């Protein structure tokens, strides 16, 4: 991909979603754009860029941003965060809290919010409580896939057999009859609401407060001003005493906020938060 064309794609990603694509990523952008060229049967990247600029519906822009920002995700990724979540919710239940709100801010194809739900519902007493999980992502297609809650056997490998049996139903892949798939059961899906949200455009429509927020492996896509706006917005939506998790490779260095680090990638908002 020529430098000038790369710069135009990078400028579009930053303008529309605050995604910062560093110089030297021409090959990555070219490969991701090629996926959309094949899907739309377009001849070249220049034609695709014009298509993006002329698409008033915004649907293709969302697909472009999705392929540009897509990163690896899996069930129980960075498992220590879910051990902390279990301990956090156990404490809140034992303290008498009856309402639990958790936000998976960059939910991608759903593995994170379903892992959050399985972890939360595994805590004694939580099933009887008012537990709701908000799962957000910028891409409508990704959200639809997440809401369906269907995963291949390979993607289900990190899920322990007992949890798989408790929370998923085995079925055949309609596109490949010899392949096995697993679908989240209604009682798991019912705890999660999937909503489209651009994290680069606070303030956000939800009121909060949340007891726990996961915003993992997404800060790396934003420049410092966008990170600052996002973290400030999350701070305003988190209950005092609430827990905030970012990705293991991420940091809040240089961000002005009231969070106190408990350990690398795990932060808490000061105050008493059991309600």
Protein backbone atom coordinates (compact mmCIF):
# COMPACT_ATOMS: atom_id res chain seq x y z
CA UNK A 1 0.00 0.00 0.00
CA UNK A 2 1.35 3.42 -0.96
CA UNK A 3 2.20 5.75 1.91
CA UNK A 4 -0.30 8.44 0.89
CA UNK A 5 -3.16 5.94 0.74
CA UNK A 6 -2.13 4.45 4.08
CA UNK A 7 -2.15 7.92 5.61
CA UNK A 8 -5.69 8.53 4.34
CA UNK A 9 -6.92 5.26 5.89
CA UNK A 10 -5.11 6.12 9.13
CA UNK A 11 -6.65 9.60 9.19
CA UNK A 12 -10.12 8.13 8.67
CA UNK A 13 -9.65 5.63 11.53
CA UNK A 14 -8.51 8.41 13.85
CA UNK A 15 -11.21 10.88 12.84
CA UNK A 16 -14.08 8.40 13.20
CA UNK A 17 -12.95 6.26 16.16
CA UNK A 18 -9.84 7.75 17.72
CA UNK A 19 -7.84 4.72 16.58
CA UNK A 20 -4.19 5.65 16.21
CA UNK A 21 -2.42 3.67 13.47
CA UNK A 22 1.31 4.18 13.77
CA UNK A 23 3.61 4.67 10.75
CA UNK A 24 5.08 1.39 9.57
CA UNK A 25 1.75 -0.45 9.73
CA UNK A 26 1.15 -0.26 5.98
CA UNK A 27 1.32 -4.04 5.53
CA UNK A 28 -1.17 -4.64 8.36
CA UNK A 29 -3.66 -2.10 7.01
CA UNK A 30 -3.26 -3.48 3.49
CA UNK A 31 -4.00 -7.02 4.70
CA UNK A 32 -7.04 -5.92 6.71
CA UNK A 33 -8.40 -3.80 3.85
CA UNK A 34 -7.92 -6.75 1.48
CA UNK A 35 -10.53 -8.66 3.51
CA UNK A 36 -13.11 -6.00 2.77
CA UNK A 37 -12.10 -5.82 -0.91
CA UNK A 38 -12.85 -9.52 -1.25
CA UNK A 39 -16.13 -9.21 0.64
CA UNK A 40 -17.32 -6.34 -1.55
CA UNK A 41 -15.71 -7.49 -4.81
CA UNK A 42 -13.91 -4.16 -5.18
CA UNK A 43 -10.81 -3.87 -7.37
CA UNK A 44 -8.42 -1.90 -5.16
CA UNK A 45 -7.90 0.01 -1.91
CA UNK A 46 -8.42 3.42 -3.55
CA UNK A 47 -11.89 2.34 -4.68
CA UNK A 48 -12.63 1.01 -1.20
CA UNK A 49 -11.57 4.28 0.42
CA UNK A 50 -13.95 6.21 -1.85
CA UNK A 51 -16.67 3.72 -0.95
CA UNK A 52 -16.03 4.39 2.75
CA UNK A 53 -16.12 8.14 2.27
CA UNK A 54 -19.38 7.98 0.28
CA UNK A 55 -21.20 5.44 2.47
CA UNK A 56 -23.77 7.53 4.33
CA UNK A 57 -25.20 4.55 6.23
CA UNK A 58 -21.96 4.14 8.17
CA UNK A 59 -22.27 0.35 8.06
CA UNK A 60 -19.12 -0.23 6.01
CA UNK A 61 -17.21 2.24 8.16
CA UNK A 62 -18.05 0.08 11.18
CA UNK A 63 -16.81 -3.01 9.34
CA UNK A 64 -13.59 -1.21 8.39
CA UNK A 65 -12.98 -0.11 11.97
CA UNK A 66 -13.71 -3.64 13.13
CA UNK A 67 -11.12 -5.29 10.87
CA UNK A 68 -8.57 -2.58 11.64
CA UNK A 69 -8.91 -2.96 15.42
CA UNK A 70 -9.66 -6.69 15.70
CA UNK A 71 -7.32 -8.41 18.12
CA UNK A 72 -6.98 -11.82 19.66
CA UNK A 73 -9.62 -12.73 22.21
CA UNK A 74 -10.51 -15.92 24.03
CA UNK A 75 -12.45 -17.28 26.96
CA UNK A 76 -10.65 -16.74 30.28
CA UNK A 77 -7.97 -14.60 28.67
CA UNK A 78 -5.65 -13.17 31.35
CA UNK A 79 -7.22 -15.52 33.93
CA UNK A 80 -6.00 -13.68 37.03
CA UNK A 81 -8.56 -10.96 36.29
CA UNK A 82 -11.37 -13.48 36.64
CA UNK A 83 -9.94 -14.81 39.89
CA UNK A 84 -10.00 -11.23 41.17
CA UNK A 85 -13.55 -10.80 39.87
CA UNK A 86 -14.65 -13.89 41.78
CA UNK A 87 -13.08 -12.57 44.99
CA UNK A 88 -14.57 -9.11 44.43
CA UNK A 89 -18.09 -10.40 43.93
CA UNK A 90 -17.79 -12.81 46.85
CA UNK A 91 -16.93 -9.85 49.07
CA UNK A 92 -19.84 -7.81 47.77
CA UNK A 93 -22.35 -10.64 48.20
CA UNK A 94 -21.14 -11.34 51.74
CA UNK A 95 -21.48 -7.62 52.51
CA UNK A 96 -25.14 -7.80 51.50
CA UNK A 97 -25.05 -6.15 48.08
CA UNK A 98 -28.10 -7.18 46.05
CA UNK A 99 -27.45 -5.40 42.75
CA UNK A 100 -24.34 -6.06 40.64
CA UNK A 101 -23.40 -4.19 37.48
CA UNK A 102 -20.40 -5.10 35.30
CA UNK A 103 -19.26 -3.51 32.03
CA UNK A 104 -17.22 -5.30 29.36
CA UNK A 105 -16.23 -2.22 27.38
CA UNK A 106 -14.59 -3.87 24.36
CA UNK A 107 -16.47 -7.14 24.16
CA UNK A 108 -15.45 -8.16 20.62
CA UNK A 109 -17.01 -11.55 19.73
CA UNK A 110 -18.31 -12.12 23.26
CA UNK A 111 -15.77 -14.37 24.94
CA UNK A 112 -15.03 -11.79 27.63
CA UNK A 113 -18.61 -11.00 28.73
CA UNK A 114 -19.57 -14.69 28.72
CA UNK A 115 -16.51 -15.45 30.86
CA UNK A 116 -17.52 -12.64 33.20
CA UNK A 117 -21.04 -14.07 33.42
CA UNK A 118 -19.84 -17.63 34.11
CA UNK A 119 -17.43 -16.36 36.76
CA UNK A 120 -20.05 -14.19 38.44
CA UNK A 121 -22.74 -16.87 38.44
CA UNK A 122 -20.24 -19.28 39.97
CA UNK A 123 -20.11 -17.15 43.11
CA UNK A 124 -22.42 -18.49 45.81
CA UNK A 125 -25.60 -16.45 46.01
CA UNK A 126 -25.14 -14.43 42.81
CA UNK A 127 -27.72 -16.35 40.75
CA UNK A 128 -30.47 -14.98 43.01
CA UNK A 129 -29.23 -11.40 42.74
CA UNK A 130 -29.89 -8.60 40.27
CA UNK A 131 -26.83 -9.21 38.07
CA UNK A 132 -26.53 -7.41 34.74
CA UNK A 133 -23.54 -7.26 32.40
CA UNK A 134 -23.23 -4.60 29.70
CA UNK A 135 -21.11 -5.67 26.72
CA UNK A 136 -20.18 -2.99 24.19
CA UNK A 137 -18.24 -2.87 20.94
CA UNK A 138 -17.93 -0.51 18.00
CA UNK A 139 -18.82 -3.07 15.30
CA UNK A 140 -22.43 -4.11 14.73
CA UNK A 141 -21.43 -7.36 12.99
CA UNK A 142 -19.21 -8.36 15.89
CA UNK A 143 -21.99 -7.59 18.37
CA UNK A 144 -24.46 -9.73 16.45
CA UNK A 145 -21.99 -12.61 16.52
CA UNK A 146 -21.45 -12.13 20.25
CA UNK A 147 -25.18 -12.01 20.98
CA UNK A 148 -25.66 -15.31 19.13
CA UNK A 149 -23.20 -16.88 21.57
CA UNK A 150 -22.10 -19.69 19.23
CA UNK A 151 -18.50 -20.88 19.28
CA UNK A 152 -16.47 -23.58 17.57
CA UNK A 153 -14.95 -26.42 19.54
CA UNK A 154 -11.51 -24.86 19.07
CA UNK A 155 -12.59 -21.54 20.58
CA UNK A 156 -14.27 -23.36 23.49
CA UNK A 157 -11.06 -25.14 24.51
CA UNK A 158 -10.21 -22.70 27.36
CA UNK A 159 -13.63 -23.30 28.97
CA UNK A 160 -13.44 -26.03 31.65
CA UNK A 161 -15.62 -29.04 30.91
CA UNK A 162 -17.86 -28.47 33.93
CA UNK A 163 -18.61 -24.88 32.88
CA UNK A 164 -19.13 -25.94 29.29
CA UNK A 165 -21.71 -28.50 30.37
CA UNK A 166 -23.41 -26.06 32.75
CA UNK A 167 -23.64 -23.02 30.50
CA UNK A 168 -23.49 -24.20 26.87
CA UNK A 169 -25.42 -26.52 24.58
CA UNK A 170 -23.60 -28.62 22.01
CA UNK A 171 -24.90 -28.39 18.44
CA UNK A 172 -23.86 -28.96 14.84
CA UNK A 173 -22.34 -26.20 12.75
CA UNK A 174 -24.94 -25.42 10.04
CA UNK A 175 -22.16 -24.44 7.64
CA UNK A 176 -20.08 -27.55 8.31
CA UNK A 177 -22.30 -30.46 9.43
CA UNK A 178 -19.38 -32.58 10.64
CA UNK A 179 -18.13 -29.82 12.94
CA UNK A 180 -19.22 -29.25 16.52
CA UNK A 181 -20.36 -25.92 17.96
CA UNK A 182 -21.42 -24.72 21.38
CA UNK A 183 -24.15 -22.17 22.07
CA UNK A 184 -24.54 -20.23 25.31
CA UNK A 185 -27.69 -21.22 27.17
CA UNK A 186 -30.52 -18.67 27.55
CA UNK A 187 -29.90 -18.30 31.29
CA UNK A 188 -26.34 -17.14 30.53
CA UNK A 189 -27.31 -14.89 27.63
CA UNK A 190 -30.07 -13.27 29.67
CA UNK A 191 -27.54 -11.69 32.02
CA UNK A 192 -25.77 -9.83 29.18
CA UNK A 193 -26.93 -6.85 27.12
CA UNK A 194 -24.97 -6.18 23.93
CA UNK A 195 -24.85 -2.56 22.73
CA UNK A 196 -22.93 -0.67 20.08
CA UNK A 197 -20.62 1.99 21.53
CA UNK A 198 -17.67 4.00 20.25
CA UNK A 199 -15.25 4.27 23.18
CA UNK A 200 -13.57 7.24 21.52
CA UNK A 201 -16.72 9.36 21.84
CA UNK A 202 -17.59 9.98 25.50
CA UNK A 203 -19.76 10.94 27.27
CA UNK A 204 -21.57 7.62 27.08
CA UNK A 205 -25.36 7.08 27.27
CA UNK A 206 -25.40 4.68 30.23
CA UNK A 207 -25.79 6.06 33.74
CA UNK A 208 -23.95 3.49 35.83
CA UNK A 209 -22.69 3.10 38.42
CA UNK A 210 -20.76 -0.09 37.67
CA UNK A 211 -19.13 -2.27 40.31
CA UNK A 212 -16.53 -3.65 37.89
CA UNK A 213 -15.31 -2.45 34.49
CA UNK A 214 -13.20 -4.47 32.07
CA UNK A 215 -11.57 -2.33 29.36
CA UNK A 216 -8.83 -4.66 28.23
CA UNK A 217 -6.53 -4.59 25.21
CA UNK A 218 -8.19 -1.58 23.63
CA UNK A 219 -6.18 1.36 25.01
CA UNK A 220 -3.31 0.32 22.73
CA UNK A 221 -5.35 1.49 19.73
CA UNK A 222 -5.86 5.04 21.04
CA UNK A 223 -3.58 8.04 21.30
CA UNK A 224 -3.02 9.75 24.66
CA UNK A 225 -5.81 12.37 24.44
CA UNK A 226 -8.36 9.68 23.51
CA UNK A 227 -7.14 7.46 26.35
CA UNK A 228 -7.51 10.36 28.77
CA UNK A 229 -11.10 11.02 27.70
CA UNK A 230 -11.98 7.32 27.92
CA UNK A 231 -10.43 6.75 31.34
CA UNK A 232 -12.08 9.90 32.71
CA UNK A 233 -15.44 8.67 31.41
CA UNK A 234 -14.95 5.23 32.97
CA UNK A 235 -13.96 6.81 36.28
CA UNK A 236 -17.22 8.74 36.25
CA UNK A 237 -19.25 5.57 35.69
CA UNK A 238 -17.55 3.37 38.30
CA UNK A 239 -18.94 3.08 41.80
CA UNK A 240 -16.59 4.29 44.57
CA UNK A 241 -14.61 1.24 45.61
CA UNK A 242 -15.18 -0.31 42.18
CA UNK A 243 -12.69 -2.46 40.30
CA UNK A 244 -11.16 -1.55 36.92
CA UNK A 245 -9.14 -3.98 34.75
CA UNK A 246 -7.06 -3.17 31.68
CA UNK A 247 -4.92 -5.49 29.56
CA UNK A 248 -1.70 -6.95 30.94
CA UNK A 249 0.37 -5.03 28.38
CA UNK A 250 -1.41 -1.73 29.00
CA UNK A 251 -0.78 1.08 31.45
CA UNK A 252 -2.43 4.22 32.78
CA UNK A 253 0.91 6.02 32.72
CA UNK A 254 0.43 9.69 31.92
CA UNK A 255 -3.33 9.53 32.54
CA UNK A 256 -4.82 11.93 35.08
CA UNK A 257 -7.29 9.94 37.16
CA UNK A 258 -8.25 8.93 40.67
CA UNK A 259 -7.62 5.21 40.24
CA UNK A 260 -5.24 3.49 42.65
CA UNK A 261 -3.27 0.55 41.28
CA UNK A 262 -3.74 -2.70 43.19
CA UNK A 263 -1.39 -4.56 40.90
CA UNK A 264 -0.30 -4.12 37.27
CA UNK A 265 -3.45 -3.89 35.07
CA UNK A 266 -5.82 -3.81 38.08
CA UNK A 267 -7.06 -0.57 39.64
CA UNK A 268 -9.60 0.51 42.23
CA UNK A 269 -11.53 3.75 42.64
CA UNK A 270 -11.13 4.91 46.26
CA UNK A 271 -14.19 4.91 48.49
CA UNK A 272 -16.76 2.57 49.95
CA UNK A 273 -18.64 0.88 47.16
CA UNK A 274 -20.90 -1.85 48.56
CA UNK A 275 -24.54 -0.93 47.96
